[in-house]
Amino acid sequence: MVVFYFMVMQISLFLILQDWDKPQNIPDPDAKKPDDWDDEIDGEWEPPMIDNPDYKVGGETCKQDVSFASC
């Protein structure tokens, strides 16, 4: 029984850690710096963030407009 519990915990930890490097939001790869952007005046340009399609919680893909409890 203890061995089974230990194996289940190892598998759960593995599943959690394999997607650890996938953030919930990522920079929009299609975003382009506006033509009138001036780094000296406006600062360094950063693309807007979008939902990461590969982000998962509890084995399910989650969307930002869905409550965390439903994931």
C-alpha atoms as a PDB file:
ATOM      1  CA  MET A   1       0.000   0.000   0.000  1.00  0.00           C
ATOM      2  CA  VAL A   2       2.793   2.444   0.902  1.00  0.00           C
ATOM      3  CA  VAL A   3       4.696   1.550  -2.281  1.00  0.00           C
ATOM      4  CA  PHE A   4       1.590   2.201  -4.398  1.00  0.00           C
ATOM      5  CA  TYR A   5       1.049   5.593  -2.730  1.00  0.00           C
ATOM      6  CA  PHE A   6       4.689   6.496  -3.317  1.00  0.00           C
ATOM      7  CA  MET A   7       4.425   5.542  -7.010  1.00  0.00           C
ATOM      8  CA  VAL A   8       1.266   7.633  -7.436  1.00  0.00           C
ATOM      9  CA  MET A   9       2.975  10.633  -5.834  1.00  0.00           C
ATOM     10  CA  GLN A  10       6.002  10.256  -8.123  1.00  0.00           C
ATOM     11  CA  ILE A  11       3.793  10.093 -11.210  1.00  0.00           C
ATOM     12  CA  SER A  12       1.802  13.136 -10.063  1.00  0.00           C
ATOM     13  CA  LEU A  13       4.976  15.121  -9.453  1.00  0.00           C
ATOM     14  CA  PHE A  14       6.324  14.122 -12.868  1.00  0.00           C
ATOM     15  CA  LEU A  15       3.121  15.285 -14.593  1.00  0.00           C
ATOM     16  CA  ILE A  16       3.245  18.608 -12.777  1.00  0.00           C
ATOM     17  CA  LEU A  17       6.922  19.238 -13.517  1.00  0.00           C
ATOM     18  CA  GLN A  18       6.903  18.287 -17.196  1.00  0.00           C
ATOM     19  CA  ASP A  19       4.881  21.423 -18.042  1.00  0.00           C
ATOM     20  CA  TRP A  20       6.600  23.615 -15.443  1.00  0.00           C
ATOM     21  CA  ASP A  21       8.379  25.713 -18.070  1.00  0.00           C
ATOM     22  CA  LYS A  22       5.172  26.673 -19.896  1.00  0.00           C
ATOM     23  CA  PRO A  23       3.918  30.051 -18.618  1.00  0.00           C
ATOM     24  CA  GLN A  24       0.254  31.049 -18.614  1.00  0.00           C
ATOM     25  CA  ASN A  25       0.903  34.076 -20.855  1.00  0.00           C
ATOM     26  CA  ILE A  26       3.417  34.502 -23.654  1.00  0.00           C
ATOM     27  CA  PRO A  27       4.441  37.456 -25.866  1.00  0.00           C
ATOM     28  CA  ASP A  28       2.273  37.698 -28.988  1.00  0.00           C
ATOM     29  CA  PRO A  29       4.463  36.289 -31.794  1.00  0.00           C
ATOM     30  CA  ASP A  30       2.449  38.217 -34.427  1.00  0.00           C
ATOM     31  CA  ALA A  31       2.779  41.604 -32.718  1.00  0.00           C
ATOM     32  CA  LYS A  32       4.897  44.208 -34.447  1.00  0.00           C
ATOM     33  CA  LYS A  33       6.505  47.324 -33.047  1.00  0.00           C
ATOM     34  CA  PRO A  34       4.462  50.389 -34.080  1.00  0.00           C
ATOM     35  CA  ASP A  35       6.088  52.545 -36.754  1.00  0.00           C
ATOM     36  CA  ASP A  36       5.833  55.649 -34.579  1.00  0.00           C
ATOM     37  CA  TRP A  37       7.437  54.000 -31.519  1.00  0.00           C
ATOM     38  CA  ASP A  38      10.488  55.898 -30.260  1.00  0.00           C
ATOM     39  CA  ASP A  39      12.659  53.930 -27.811  1.00  0.00           C
ATOM     40  CA  GLU A  40      14.133  57.108 -26.321  1.00  0.00           C
ATOM     41  CA  ILE A  41      10.728  58.637 -25.612  1.00  0.00           C
ATOM     42  CA  ASP A  42       8.485  55.589 -25.150  1.00  0.00           C
ATOM     43  CA  GLY A  43      11.015  53.173 -23.646  1.00  0.00           C
ATOM     44  CA  GLU A  44      11.801  49.674 -24.805  1.00  0.00           C
ATOM     45  CA  TRP A  45       8.898  48.154 -26.752  1.00  0.00           C
ATOM     46  CA  GLU A  46       7.488  44.869 -25.513  1.00  0.00           C
ATOM     47  CA  PRO A  47       4.864  42.886 -27.410  1.00  0.00           C
ATOM     48  CA  PRO A  48       1.472  42.401 -25.750  1.00  0.00           C
ATOM     49  CA  MET A  49       0.925  39.179 -23.826  1.00  0.00           C
ATOM     50  CA  ILE A  50      -1.548  36.520 -24.993  1.00  0.00           C
ATOM     51  CA  ASP A  51      -2.820  33.266 -23.486  1.00  0.00           C
ATOM     52  CA  ASN A  52      -0.383  30.391 -23.983  1.00  0.00           C
ATOM     53  CA  PRO A  53      -2.199  27.573 -25.826  1.00  0.00           C
ATOM     54  CA  ASP A  54       0.186  25.037 -24.232  1.00  0.00           C
ATOM     55  CA  TYR A  55      -0.490  26.164 -20.637  1.00  0.00           C
ATOM     56  CA  LYS A  56      -2.183  23.450 -18.597  1.00  0.00           C
ATOM     57  CA  VAL A  57      -3.437  23.156 -15.036  1.00  0.00           C
ATOM     58  CA  GLY A  58      -4.253  19.728 -13.709  1.00  0.00           C
ATOM     59  CA  GLY A  59      -3.865  18.141 -17.129  1.00  0.00           C
ATOM     60  CA  GLU A  60      -6.463  20.383 -18.800  1.00  0.00           C
ATOM     61  CA  THR A  61      -5.847  23.333 -21.069  1.00  0.00           C
ATOM     62  CA  CYS A  62      -7.156  26.450 -19.338  1.00  0.00           C
ATOM     63  CA  LYS A  63      -8.378  29.733 -20.729  1.00  0.00           C
ATOM     64  CA  GLN A  64      -8.157  32.976 -18.799  1.00  0.00           C
ATOM     65  CA  ASP A  65     -11.900  33.585 -18.993  1.00  0.00           C
ATOM     66  CA  VAL A  66     -12.583  30.255 -17.248  1.00  0.00           C
ATOM     67  CA  SER A  67     -12.464  30.190 -13.473  1.00  0.00           C
ATOM     68  CA  PHE A  68      -9.533  28.319 -11.949  1.00  0.00           C
ATOM     69  CA  ALA A  69     -11.906  25.978 -10.116  1.00  0.00           C
ATOM     70  CA  SER A  70     -13.139  24.521 -13.397  1.00  0.00           C
ATOM     71  CA  CYS A  71      -9.644  23.564 -14.611  1.00  0.00           C
END
